[in-house]
């Protein structure tokens, strides 16, 4: 009887080790890295227009040298990524309200390679008196498919970061950029 328990104990221990290894592999497959968007560290690639509606565009350093395109026009931000970032669909996507962006950019990585980003945007909600907080997920697919794929109102959803990461991890890479970004969770301010 003692020998049987010993065998069962070893078998349970082996099962626990194998289960832990499988969980570790799936958890290690996707990770996050963070960079800052700081215009003082960027190169201006376009200057303000005479009409006063376009403030300019910059190329900033991103994760492991990945270019980040930052543009501002008509009090709205535009953010895109990659070697031809200014020509990607993301470079023309913004929120309808006046807005700014947070400086911290989350990069979702698969085996160390970025496949999506999550960035917090701050739209003006009522003539500038109140500001919202929206997480925007962008897929990174060079060659015309880098675009916003999901938006989450961070004030209307307690699990906004979880929703944004799930969207990045499951939707990025195959999203059709001719479609508008999906609104996830409680739409909150995204009901424009």
N, C-alpha and C. Protein backbone atom coordinates (compact mmCIF):
# COMPACT_ATOMS: atom_id res chain seq x y z
N UNK A 1 0.82 -1.19 0.00
CA UNK A 1 0.00 0.00 0.00
C UNK A 1 0.87 1.26 0.00
N UNK A 2 1.93 1.22 0.80
CA UNK A 2 2.82 2.38 0.85
C UNK A 2 3.45 2.63 -0.51
N UNK A 3 3.81 1.57 -1.22
CA UNK A 3 4.41 1.69 -2.55
C UNK A 3 3.42 2.33 -3.53
N UNK A 4 2.14 1.97 -3.44
CA UNK A 4 1.12 2.54 -4.31
C UNK A 4 0.99 4.04 -4.08
N UNK A 5 0.98 4.47 -2.81
CA UNK A 5 0.89 5.89 -2.49
C UNK A 5 2.10 6.64 -3.00
N UNK A 6 3.26 6.02 -2.91
CA UNK A 6 4.49 6.65 -3.39
C UNK A 6 4.42 6.87 -4.89
N UNK A 7 3.91 5.88 -5.61
CA UNK A 7 3.77 6.00 -7.06
C UNK A 7 2.76 7.07 -7.44
N UNK A 8 1.65 7.11 -6.71
CA UNK A 8 0.62 8.12 -6.97
C UNK A 8 1.16 9.51 -6.67
N UNK A 9 1.91 9.63 -5.56
CA UNK A 9 2.48 10.93 -5.20
C UNK A 9 3.44 11.41 -6.28
N UNK A 10 4.30 10.48 -6.77
CA UNK A 10 5.23 10.87 -7.85
C UNK A 10 4.48 11.25 -9.12
N UNK A 11 3.44 10.48 -9.44
CA UNK A 11 2.65 10.76 -10.63
C UNK A 11 1.96 12.13 -10.52
N UNK A 12 1.41 12.43 -9.33
CA UNK A 12 0.79 13.74 -9.11
C UNK A 12 1.82 14.86 -9.21
N UNK A 13 2.99 14.64 -8.66
CA UNK A 13 4.06 15.63 -8.74
C UNK A 13 4.48 15.88 -10.17
N UNK A 14 4.62 14.79 -10.95
CA UNK A 14 5.00 14.92 -12.36
C UNK A 14 3.91 15.67 -13.13
N UNK A 15 2.64 15.34 -12.85
CA UNK A 15 1.53 16.03 -13.50
C UNK A 15 1.55 17.52 -13.18
N UNK A 16 1.82 17.86 -11.92
CA UNK A 16 1.88 19.27 -11.51
C UNK A 16 3.00 20.00 -12.23
N UNK A 17 4.16 19.36 -12.37
CA UNK A 17 5.28 19.96 -13.09
C UNK A 17 4.94 20.18 -14.55
N UNK A 18 4.33 19.17 -15.18
CA UNK A 18 3.94 19.30 -16.58
C UNK A 18 2.89 20.39 -16.77
N UNK A 19 1.91 20.44 -15.88
CA UNK A 19 0.88 21.46 -15.96
C UNK A 19 1.50 22.85 -15.79
N UNK A 20 2.40 22.99 -14.86
CA UNK A 20 3.09 24.25 -14.65
C UNK A 20 3.90 24.65 -15.87
N UNK A 21 4.53 23.68 -16.51
CA UNK A 21 5.33 23.97 -17.72
C UNK A 21 4.45 24.45 -18.85
N UNK A 22 3.30 23.81 -19.06
CA UNK A 22 2.39 24.22 -20.12
C UNK A 22 1.86 25.62 -19.84
N UNK A 23 1.47 25.90 -18.60
CA UNK A 23 0.97 27.23 -18.25
C UNK A 23 2.05 28.26 -18.44
N UNK A 24 3.29 27.94 -18.08
CA UNK A 24 4.40 28.87 -18.25
C UNK A 24 4.67 29.18 -19.70
N UNK A 25 4.55 28.18 -20.57
CA UNK A 25 4.78 28.39 -22.00
C UNK A 25 3.73 29.32 -22.57
N UNK A 26 2.45 29.10 -22.26
CA UNK A 26 1.42 29.96 -22.84
C UNK A 26 1.50 31.37 -22.27
N UNK A 27 1.83 31.49 -20.99
CA UNK A 27 1.95 32.83 -20.40
C UNK A 27 3.17 33.55 -20.93
N UNK A 28 4.25 32.81 -21.21
CA UNK A 28 5.48 33.42 -21.69
C UNK A 28 5.39 33.79 -23.17
N UNK A 29 4.40 33.26 -23.89
CA UNK A 29 4.29 33.51 -25.31
C UNK A 29 3.94 34.95 -25.64
N UNK A 30 3.15 35.61 -24.79
CA UNK A 30 2.76 37.00 -25.02
C UNK A 30 3.16 37.81 -23.79
N UNK A 31 3.78 38.95 -24.05
CA UNK A 31 4.29 39.79 -22.98
C UNK A 31 4.06 41.25 -23.36
N UNK A 32 4.38 42.14 -22.44
CA UNK A 32 4.28 43.57 -22.71
C UNK A 32 5.61 44.26 -22.46
N UNK A 33 5.85 45.31 -23.22
CA UNK A 33 6.99 46.21 -23.00
C UNK A 33 6.41 47.62 -23.10
N UNK A 34 7.10 48.58 -22.50
CA UNK A 34 6.59 49.95 -22.45
C UNK A 34 7.65 50.93 -22.93
N UNK A 35 7.21 51.90 -23.72
CA UNK A 35 8.07 53.00 -24.13
C UNK A 35 7.30 54.30 -23.89
N UNK A 36 8.00 55.41 -24.04
CA UNK A 36 7.39 56.73 -23.85
C UNK A 36 7.34 57.48 -25.18
N UNK A 37 6.27 58.22 -25.38
CA UNK A 37 6.17 59.14 -26.50
C UNK A 37 6.51 60.52 -25.94
N UNK A 38 7.69 61.02 -26.26
CA UNK A 38 8.14 62.33 -25.78
C UNK A 38 8.66 63.11 -26.98
N UNK A 39 7.88 64.08 -27.41
CA UNK A 39 8.20 64.80 -28.65
C UNK A 39 9.58 65.44 -28.64
N UNK A 40 10.12 65.78 -27.46
CA UNK A 40 11.46 66.36 -27.42
C UNK A 40 12.53 65.35 -27.85
N UNK A 41 12.20 64.06 -27.87
CA UNK A 41 13.13 63.01 -28.30
C UNK A 41 12.82 62.54 -29.72
N UNK A 42 11.96 63.25 -30.43
CA UNK A 42 11.51 62.85 -31.75
C UNK A 42 12.05 63.78 -32.83
N UNK A 43 11.95 63.32 -34.07
CA UNK A 43 12.37 64.12 -35.22
C UNK A 43 11.11 64.63 -35.92
N UNK A 44 11.03 65.96 -36.10
CA UNK A 44 9.87 66.50 -36.81
C UNK A 44 10.00 66.18 -38.29
N UNK A 45 8.95 65.56 -38.85
CA UNK A 45 8.97 65.16 -40.26
C UNK A 45 8.03 66.00 -41.12
N UNK A 46 7.09 66.73 -40.49
CA UNK A 46 6.20 67.66 -41.19
C UNK A 46 5.99 68.86 -40.28
N UNK A 47 5.89 70.03 -40.88
CA UNK A 47 5.70 71.24 -40.08
C UNK A 47 4.25 71.71 -40.17
N UNK A 48 3.92 72.65 -39.31
CA UNK A 48 2.56 73.18 -39.24
C UNK A 48 2.14 73.80 -40.56
N UNK A 49 0.84 73.70 -40.84
CA UNK A 49 0.31 74.29 -42.07
C UNK A 49 -0.07 75.75 -41.82
N UNK A 50 -0.16 76.50 -42.90
CA UNK A 50 -0.53 77.91 -42.81
C UNK A 50 -1.97 78.10 -42.36
N UNK A 51 -2.83 77.11 -42.62
CA UNK A 51 -4.24 77.24 -42.25
C UNK A 51 -4.44 77.14 -40.74
N UNK A 52 -3.44 76.71 -40.00
CA UNK A 52 -3.54 76.61 -38.56
C UNK A 52 -4.26 75.38 -38.06
N UNK A 53 -4.62 74.45 -38.96
CA UNK A 53 -5.32 73.24 -38.52
C UNK A 53 -4.37 72.06 -38.34
N UNK A 54 -3.14 72.18 -38.84
CA UNK A 54 -2.18 71.08 -38.74
C UNK A 54 -0.95 71.56 -37.99
N UNK A 55 -0.65 70.93 -36.85
CA UNK A 55 0.47 71.37 -36.03
C UNK A 55 1.78 70.70 -36.40
N UNK A 56 1.71 69.55 -37.05
CA UNK A 56 2.93 68.89 -37.46
C UNK A 56 2.91 67.40 -37.21
N UNK A 57 4.02 66.76 -37.61
CA UNK A 57 4.17 65.31 -37.43
C UNK A 57 5.61 65.01 -37.03
N UNK A 58 5.77 63.99 -36.21
CA UNK A 58 7.07 63.60 -35.68
C UNK A 58 7.26 62.10 -35.82
N UNK A 59 8.51 61.69 -35.95
CA UNK A 59 8.86 60.27 -35.87
C UNK A 59 9.61 60.07 -34.57
N UNK A 60 9.09 59.19 -33.75
CA UNK A 60 9.64 58.95 -32.42
C UNK A 60 10.19 57.53 -32.32
N UNK A 61 11.14 57.32 -31.41
CA UNK A 61 11.65 55.95 -31.21
C UNK A 61 10.66 55.13 -30.40
N UNK A 62 10.44 53.90 -30.84
CA UNK A 62 9.56 52.98 -30.14
C UNK A 62 10.33 51.78 -29.65
N UNK A 63 9.62 50.70 -29.41
CA UNK A 63 10.23 49.47 -28.90
C UNK A 63 11.27 48.94 -29.89
N UNK A 64 12.49 48.80 -29.42
CA UNK A 64 13.62 48.28 -30.23
C UNK A 64 13.73 48.97 -31.58
N UNK A 65 13.55 50.29 -31.58
CA UNK A 65 13.73 51.06 -32.80
C UNK A 65 12.53 51.12 -33.72
N UNK A 66 11.44 50.48 -33.35
CA UNK A 66 10.22 50.54 -34.17
C UNK A 66 9.76 51.99 -34.27
N UNK A 67 9.65 52.57 -35.46
CA UNK A 67 9.22 53.96 -35.58
C UNK A 67 7.78 54.17 -35.12
N UNK A 68 7.57 55.29 -34.42
CA UNK A 68 6.24 55.71 -33.98
C UNK A 68 5.96 57.07 -34.63
N UNK A 69 4.91 57.14 -35.41
CA UNK A 69 4.51 58.37 -36.09
C UNK A 69 3.47 59.07 -35.21
N UNK A 70 3.73 60.31 -34.87
CA UNK A 70 2.84 61.10 -34.04
C UNK A 70 2.51 62.37 -34.82
N UNK A 71 1.22 62.62 -35.05
CA UNK A 71 0.81 63.83 -35.75
C UNK A 71 -0.32 64.49 -34.97
N UNK A 72 -0.41 65.81 -35.14
CA UNK A 72 -1.49 66.56 -34.50
C UNK A 72 -2.05 67.52 -35.53
N UNK A 73 -3.36 67.51 -35.66
CA UNK A 73 -4.05 68.43 -36.55
C UNK A 73 -5.45 68.69 -36.05
N UNK A 74 -5.88 69.93 -36.10
CA UNK A 74 -7.20 70.33 -35.66
C UNK A 74 -7.49 69.84 -34.23
N UNK A 75 -6.48 69.92 -33.37
CA UNK A 75 -6.57 69.54 -31.96
C UNK A 75 -6.90 68.06 -31.77
N UNK A 76 -6.46 67.23 -32.72
CA UNK A 76 -6.65 65.79 -32.65
C UNK A 76 -5.31 65.10 -32.95
N UNK A 77 -5.09 63.97 -32.27
CA UNK A 77 -3.84 63.22 -32.45
C UNK A 77 -4.06 62.08 -33.44
N UNK A 78 -2.95 61.69 -34.08
CA UNK A 78 -2.91 60.57 -35.00
C UNK A 78 -1.63 59.80 -34.67
N UNK A 79 -1.72 58.50 -34.45
CA UNK A 79 -0.56 57.70 -34.06
C UNK A 79 -0.49 56.49 -34.98
N UNK A 80 0.69 56.23 -35.53
CA UNK A 80 0.88 55.06 -36.38
C UNK A 80 2.27 54.48 -36.11
N UNK A 81 2.56 53.35 -36.73
CA UNK A 81 3.78 52.60 -36.42
C UNK A 81 4.38 51.97 -37.66
N UNK A 82 5.69 51.74 -37.60
CA UNK A 82 6.38 51.00 -38.65
C UNK A 82 7.21 51.87 -39.56
N UNK A 83 7.93 51.24 -40.48
CA UNK A 83 8.85 51.97 -41.36
C UNK A 83 8.15 52.95 -42.31
N UNK A 84 6.89 52.71 -42.64
CA UNK A 84 6.13 53.61 -43.50
C UNK A 84 4.89 54.10 -42.75
N UNK A 85 5.07 54.40 -41.46
CA UNK A 85 3.97 54.69 -40.55
C UNK A 85 3.05 55.81 -41.03
N UNK A 86 3.61 56.85 -41.64
CA UNK A 86 2.80 57.97 -42.09
C UNK A 86 1.84 57.62 -43.21
N UNK A 87 2.06 56.48 -43.86
CA UNK A 87 1.18 56.05 -44.95
C UNK A 87 0.27 54.90 -44.56
N UNK A 88 0.35 54.44 -43.32
CA UNK A 88 -0.51 53.35 -42.85
C UNK A 88 -1.89 53.92 -42.50
N UNK A 89 -2.94 53.08 -42.52
CA UNK A 89 -4.28 53.55 -42.16
C UNK A 89 -4.33 54.21 -40.78
N UNK A 90 -3.55 53.75 -39.81
CA UNK A 90 -3.56 54.33 -38.46
C UNK A 90 -3.18 55.81 -38.47
N UNK A 91 -2.40 56.24 -39.45
CA UNK A 91 -1.97 57.64 -39.52
C UNK A 91 -3.12 58.57 -39.86
N UNK A 92 -4.27 58.02 -40.24
CA UNK A 92 -5.45 58.83 -40.57
C UNK A 92 -6.60 58.60 -39.59
N UNK A 93 -6.35 57.80 -38.54
CA UNK A 93 -7.40 57.48 -37.57
C UNK A 93 -7.23 58.28 -36.29
N UNK A 94 -8.34 58.81 -35.80
CA UNK A 94 -8.36 59.55 -34.55
C UNK A 94 -9.75 59.42 -33.94
N UNK A 95 -9.98 60.06 -32.83
CA UNK A 95 -11.31 60.11 -32.23
C UNK A 95 -12.03 61.35 -32.77
N UNK A 96 -13.36 61.34 -32.80
CA UNK A 96 -14.07 62.50 -33.35
C UNK A 96 -13.92 63.77 -32.51
N UNK A 97 -13.78 63.63 -31.21
CA UNK A 97 -13.64 64.81 -30.34
C UNK A 97 -12.18 65.26 -30.30
N UNK A 98 -11.95 66.52 -29.91
CA UNK A 98 -10.60 66.99 -29.68
C UNK A 98 -9.95 66.02 -28.69
N UNK A 99 -8.64 65.76 -28.84
CA UNK A 99 -8.02 64.77 -27.97
C UNK A 99 -6.52 64.94 -27.86
N UNK A 100 -5.96 64.31 -26.87
CA UNK A 100 -4.51 64.17 -26.68
C UNK A 100 -4.26 62.71 -26.34
N UNK A 101 -2.97 62.34 -26.26
CA UNK A 101 -2.62 60.96 -25.92
C UNK A 101 -1.70 60.94 -24.70
N UNK A 102 -1.71 59.82 -24.02
CA UNK A 102 -0.81 59.59 -22.90
C UNK A 102 0.60 59.35 -23.46
N UNK A 103 1.61 59.53 -22.66
CA UNK A 103 2.97 59.31 -23.16
C UNK A 103 3.40 57.85 -23.05
N UNK A 104 2.73 57.04 -22.22
CA UNK A 104 3.14 55.64 -22.06
C UNK A 104 2.44 54.78 -23.10
N UNK A 105 3.24 54.04 -23.85
CA UNK A 105 2.76 53.18 -24.93
C UNK A 105 3.08 51.74 -24.56
N UNK A 106 2.05 50.89 -24.53
CA UNK A 106 2.25 49.46 -24.26
C UNK A 106 2.36 48.72 -25.58
N UNK A 107 3.42 47.93 -25.69
CA UNK A 107 3.65 47.08 -26.86
C UNK A 107 3.33 45.65 -26.46
N UNK A 108 2.46 44.99 -27.22
CA UNK A 108 2.18 43.57 -26.99
C UNK A 108 3.16 42.79 -27.86
N UNK A 109 3.84 41.84 -27.23
CA UNK A 109 4.92 41.09 -27.88
C UNK A 109 4.60 39.60 -27.91
N UNK A 110 4.90 38.98 -29.02
CA UNK A 110 4.83 37.53 -29.14
C UNK A 110 6.24 37.06 -29.47
N UNK A 111 6.82 36.30 -28.54
CA UNK A 111 8.21 35.86 -28.69
C UNK A 111 9.15 37.05 -28.91
N UNK A 112 8.87 38.15 -28.22
CA UNK A 112 9.73 39.33 -28.30
C UNK A 112 9.48 40.24 -29.49
N UNK A 113 8.53 39.89 -30.36
CA UNK A 113 8.24 40.68 -31.56
C UNK A 113 6.91 41.43 -31.35
N UNK A 114 6.91 42.77 -31.51
CA UNK A 114 5.67 43.52 -31.31
C UNK A 114 4.64 43.23 -32.40
N UNK A 115 3.39 42.98 -31.98
CA UNK A 115 2.31 42.73 -32.94
C UNK A 115 1.13 43.68 -32.73
N UNK A 116 1.12 44.41 -31.60
CA UNK A 116 0.04 45.37 -31.34
C UNK A 116 0.50 46.38 -30.29
N UNK A 117 -0.20 47.50 -30.23
CA UNK A 117 0.06 48.49 -29.18
C UNK A 117 -1.26 48.85 -28.51
N UNK A 118 -1.13 49.35 -27.28
CA UNK A 118 -2.27 49.88 -26.54
C UNK A 118 -1.85 51.26 -26.03
N UNK A 119 -2.66 52.26 -26.35
CA UNK A 119 -2.35 53.62 -25.96
C UNK A 119 -3.61 54.29 -25.40
N UNK A 120 -3.44 55.03 -24.30
CA UNK A 120 -4.57 55.75 -23.69
C UNK A 120 -4.70 57.13 -24.36
N UNK A 121 -5.91 57.42 -24.82
CA UNK A 121 -6.24 58.71 -25.43
C UNK A 121 -7.18 59.45 -24.49
N UNK A 122 -7.11 60.78 -24.51
CA UNK A 122 -7.94 61.61 -23.65
C UNK A 122 -8.79 62.54 -24.52
N UNK A 123 -10.03 62.13 -24.84
CA UNK A 123 -10.91 62.99 -25.63
C UNK A 123 -11.62 64.02 -24.76
N UNK A 124 -11.86 65.18 -25.34
CA UNK A 124 -12.67 66.21 -24.69
C UNK A 124 -14.13 65.76 -24.78
N UNK A 125 -14.83 65.77 -23.65
CA UNK A 125 -16.20 65.26 -23.65
C UNK A 125 -17.26 66.33 -23.80
N UNK A 126 -17.05 67.50 -23.23
CA UNK A 126 -18.08 68.54 -23.32
C UNK A 126 -17.44 69.92 -23.36
N UNK A 127 -17.07 70.30 -24.55
CA UNK A 127 -16.43 71.60 -24.80
C UNK A 127 -15.22 71.83 -23.90
N UNK A 128 -14.50 70.77 -23.61
CA UNK A 128 -13.25 70.87 -22.88
C UNK A 128 -13.36 70.84 -21.38
N UNK A 129 -14.57 70.83 -20.81
CA UNK A 129 -14.71 70.85 -19.36
C UNK A 129 -14.37 69.49 -18.74
N UNK A 130 -14.72 68.41 -19.42
CA UNK A 130 -14.41 67.06 -18.93
C UNK A 130 -13.62 66.31 -19.97
N UNK A 131 -12.76 65.40 -19.51
CA UNK A 131 -11.94 64.59 -20.40
C UNK A 131 -12.22 63.12 -20.16
N UNK A 132 -12.33 62.36 -21.23
CA UNK A 132 -12.52 60.92 -21.14
C UNK A 132 -11.18 60.21 -21.14
N UNK A 133 -11.24 58.89 -21.10
CA UNK A 133 -10.05 58.05 -21.13
C UNK A 133 -10.37 56.81 -21.95
N UNK A 134 -9.78 56.72 -23.13
CA UNK A 134 -10.07 55.64 -24.07
C UNK A 134 -8.78 54.88 -24.37
N UNK A 135 -8.82 53.55 -24.24
CA UNK A 135 -7.69 52.72 -24.65
C UNK A 135 -7.90 52.32 -26.11
N UNK A 136 -6.90 52.59 -26.94
CA UNK A 136 -6.99 52.23 -28.35
C UNK A 136 -5.93 51.18 -28.66
N UNK A 137 -6.41 50.08 -29.27
CA UNK A 137 -5.54 48.97 -29.66
C UNK A 137 -5.27 49.09 -31.15
N UNK A 138 -4.00 49.05 -31.52
CA UNK A 138 -3.59 49.14 -32.93
C UNK A 138 -2.80 47.89 -33.30
N UNK A 139 -3.19 47.25 -34.41
CA UNK A 139 -2.41 46.11 -34.87
C UNK A 139 -1.22 46.61 -35.68
N UNK A 140 -0.10 45.88 -35.62
CA UNK A 140 1.12 46.26 -36.32
C UNK A 140 1.35 45.28 -37.46
N UNK A 141 0.89 45.66 -38.64
CA UNK A 141 1.05 44.83 -39.84
C UNK A 141 1.53 45.75 -40.95
N UNK A 142 2.85 45.83 -41.19
CA UNK A 142 3.37 46.73 -42.22
C UNK A 142 2.79 46.42 -43.59
N UNK A 143 2.82 47.42 -44.44
CA UNK A 143 2.36 47.22 -45.81
C UNK A 143 0.90 47.55 -46.01
N UNK A 144 0.36 48.44 -45.18
CA UNK A 144 -1.01 48.89 -45.38
C UNK A 144 -2.04 48.33 -44.42
N UNK A 145 -1.63 47.59 -43.40
CA UNK A 145 -2.60 47.01 -42.47
C UNK A 145 -2.32 47.35 -41.02
N UNK A 146 -1.56 48.42 -40.77
CA UNK A 146 -1.40 48.91 -39.40
C UNK A 146 -2.56 49.88 -39.16
N UNK A 147 -3.48 49.47 -38.28
CA UNK A 147 -4.67 50.28 -38.04
C UNK A 147 -5.23 50.02 -36.65
N UNK A 148 -6.10 50.93 -36.22
CA UNK A 148 -6.80 50.74 -34.95
C UNK A 148 -7.79 49.60 -35.13
N UNK A 149 -7.80 48.68 -34.13
CA UNK A 149 -8.71 47.54 -34.23
C UNK A 149 -9.74 47.51 -33.11
N UNK A 150 -9.46 48.18 -31.98
CA UNK A 150 -10.41 48.16 -30.87
C UNK A 150 -10.27 49.42 -30.02
N UNK A 151 -11.38 49.80 -29.39
CA UNK A 151 -11.42 50.93 -28.47
C UNK A 151 -12.18 50.51 -27.22
N UNK A 152 -11.67 50.92 -26.06
CA UNK A 152 -12.29 50.59 -24.78
C UNK A 152 -12.36 51.86 -23.94
N UNK A 153 -13.55 52.20 -23.48
CA UNK A 153 -13.70 53.35 -22.59
C UNK A 153 -13.19 52.93 -21.21
N UNK A 154 -12.07 53.51 -20.78
CA UNK A 154 -11.44 53.12 -19.51
C UNK A 154 -12.20 53.63 -18.30
N UNK A 155 -13.07 54.62 -18.47
CA UNK A 155 -13.86 55.12 -17.35
C UNK A 155 -15.15 54.32 -17.18
N UNK A 156 -15.62 53.70 -18.24
CA UNK A 156 -16.87 52.94 -18.19
C UNK A 156 -16.64 51.44 -17.95
N UNK A 157 -15.39 51.00 -17.97
CA UNK A 157 -15.07 49.58 -17.80
C UNK A 157 -13.96 49.40 -16.78
N UNK A 158 -14.28 48.77 -15.66
CA UNK A 158 -13.28 48.56 -14.60
C UNK A 158 -12.15 47.65 -15.09
N UNK A 159 -12.43 46.79 -16.06
CA UNK A 159 -11.43 45.86 -16.60
C UNK A 159 -10.93 46.30 -17.97
N UNK A 160 -10.82 47.60 -18.19
CA UNK A 160 -10.45 48.14 -19.50
C UNK A 160 -9.11 47.61 -20.00
N UNK A 161 -8.10 47.54 -19.12
CA UNK A 161 -6.79 47.04 -19.55
C UNK A 161 -6.88 45.58 -19.99
N UNK A 162 -7.65 44.78 -19.27
CA UNK A 162 -7.83 43.37 -19.62
C UNK A 162 -8.50 43.26 -20.98
N UNK A 163 -9.57 44.03 -21.20
CA UNK A 163 -10.27 44.01 -22.49
C UNK A 163 -9.34 44.41 -23.63
N UNK A 164 -8.53 45.45 -23.42
CA UNK A 164 -7.62 45.92 -24.47
C UNK A 164 -6.56 44.86 -24.79
N UNK A 165 -6.01 44.23 -23.76
CA UNK A 165 -5.00 43.19 -24.00
C UNK A 165 -5.60 41.97 -24.69
N UNK A 166 -6.81 41.59 -24.29
CA UNK A 166 -7.48 40.47 -24.96
C UNK A 166 -7.71 40.78 -26.43
N UNK A 167 -8.13 42.01 -26.73
CA UNK A 167 -8.34 42.41 -28.12
C UNK A 167 -7.03 42.34 -28.90
N UNK A 168 -5.97 42.88 -28.31
CA UNK A 168 -4.67 42.84 -28.98
C UNK A 168 -4.25 41.40 -29.25
N UNK A 169 -4.37 40.56 -28.25
CA UNK A 169 -3.86 39.19 -28.33
C UNK A 169 -4.68 38.30 -29.25
N UNK A 170 -5.97 38.61 -29.44
CA UNK A 170 -6.81 37.73 -30.25
C UNK A 170 -7.17 38.30 -31.63
N UNK A 171 -7.17 39.64 -31.76
CA UNK A 171 -7.62 40.25 -33.01
C UNK A 171 -6.48 40.75 -33.90
N UNK A 172 -5.36 41.12 -33.30
CA UNK A 172 -4.28 41.75 -34.07
C UNK A 172 -3.67 40.77 -35.07
N UNK A 173 -3.41 41.28 -36.25
CA UNK A 173 -2.78 40.50 -37.29
C UNK A 173 -3.74 40.11 -38.40
N UNK A 174 -5.01 39.99 -38.07
CA UNK A 174 -5.98 39.58 -39.07
C UNK A 174 -7.15 40.54 -39.21
N UNK A 175 -7.05 41.71 -38.59
CA UNK A 175 -8.17 42.65 -38.63
C UNK A 175 -8.22 43.36 -39.98
N UNK A 176 -9.41 43.51 -40.52
CA UNK A 176 -9.63 44.18 -41.80
C UNK A 176 -9.66 45.69 -41.56
N UNK A 177 -8.66 46.40 -42.02
CA UNK A 177 -8.54 47.84 -41.77
C UNK A 177 -9.60 48.68 -42.48
N UNK A 178 -10.37 48.07 -43.38
CA UNK A 178 -11.47 48.83 -44.01
C UNK A 178 -12.66 48.93 -43.05
N UNK A 179 -12.63 48.18 -41.95
CA UNK A 179 -13.69 48.21 -40.95
C UNK A 179 -13.32 49.19 -39.83
N UNK A 180 -14.32 49.82 -39.20
CA UNK A 180 -13.99 50.69 -38.06
C UNK A 180 -13.52 49.85 -36.88
N UNK A 181 -12.77 50.45 -35.95
CA UNK A 181 -12.35 49.70 -34.77
C UNK A 181 -13.56 49.22 -33.97
N UNK A 182 -13.46 48.04 -33.38
CA UNK A 182 -14.55 47.52 -32.55
C UNK A 182 -14.57 48.23 -31.21
N UNK A 183 -15.77 48.51 -30.71
CA UNK A 183 -15.94 49.09 -29.38
C UNK A 183 -16.22 47.93 -28.44
N UNK A 184 -15.38 47.78 -27.42
CA UNK A 184 -15.49 46.65 -26.50
C UNK A 184 -16.02 47.10 -25.14
N UNK A 185 -16.75 46.20 -24.48
CA UNK A 185 -17.28 46.49 -23.15
C UNK A 185 -18.37 47.53 -23.19
N UNK A 186 -18.55 48.23 -22.08
CA UNK A 186 -19.53 49.31 -21.97
C UNK A 186 -19.02 50.46 -22.83
N UNK A 187 -19.79 50.93 -23.83
CA UNK A 187 -19.28 51.97 -24.73
C UNK A 187 -19.02 53.32 -24.06
N UNK A 188 -19.71 53.63 -22.99
CA UNK A 188 -19.46 54.91 -22.30
C UNK A 188 -19.42 56.08 -23.26
N UNK A 189 -18.31 56.82 -23.25
CA UNK A 189 -18.15 58.00 -24.10
C UNK A 189 -18.01 57.64 -25.57
N UNK A 190 -17.81 56.36 -25.88
CA UNK A 190 -17.65 55.96 -27.28
C UNK A 190 -18.98 55.86 -28.01
N UNK A 191 -20.05 56.31 -27.41
CA UNK A 191 -21.37 56.30 -28.03
C UNK A 191 -21.60 57.51 -28.93
N UNK A 192 -20.52 58.18 -29.35
CA UNK A 192 -20.65 59.38 -30.19
C UNK A 192 -21.43 59.07 -31.44
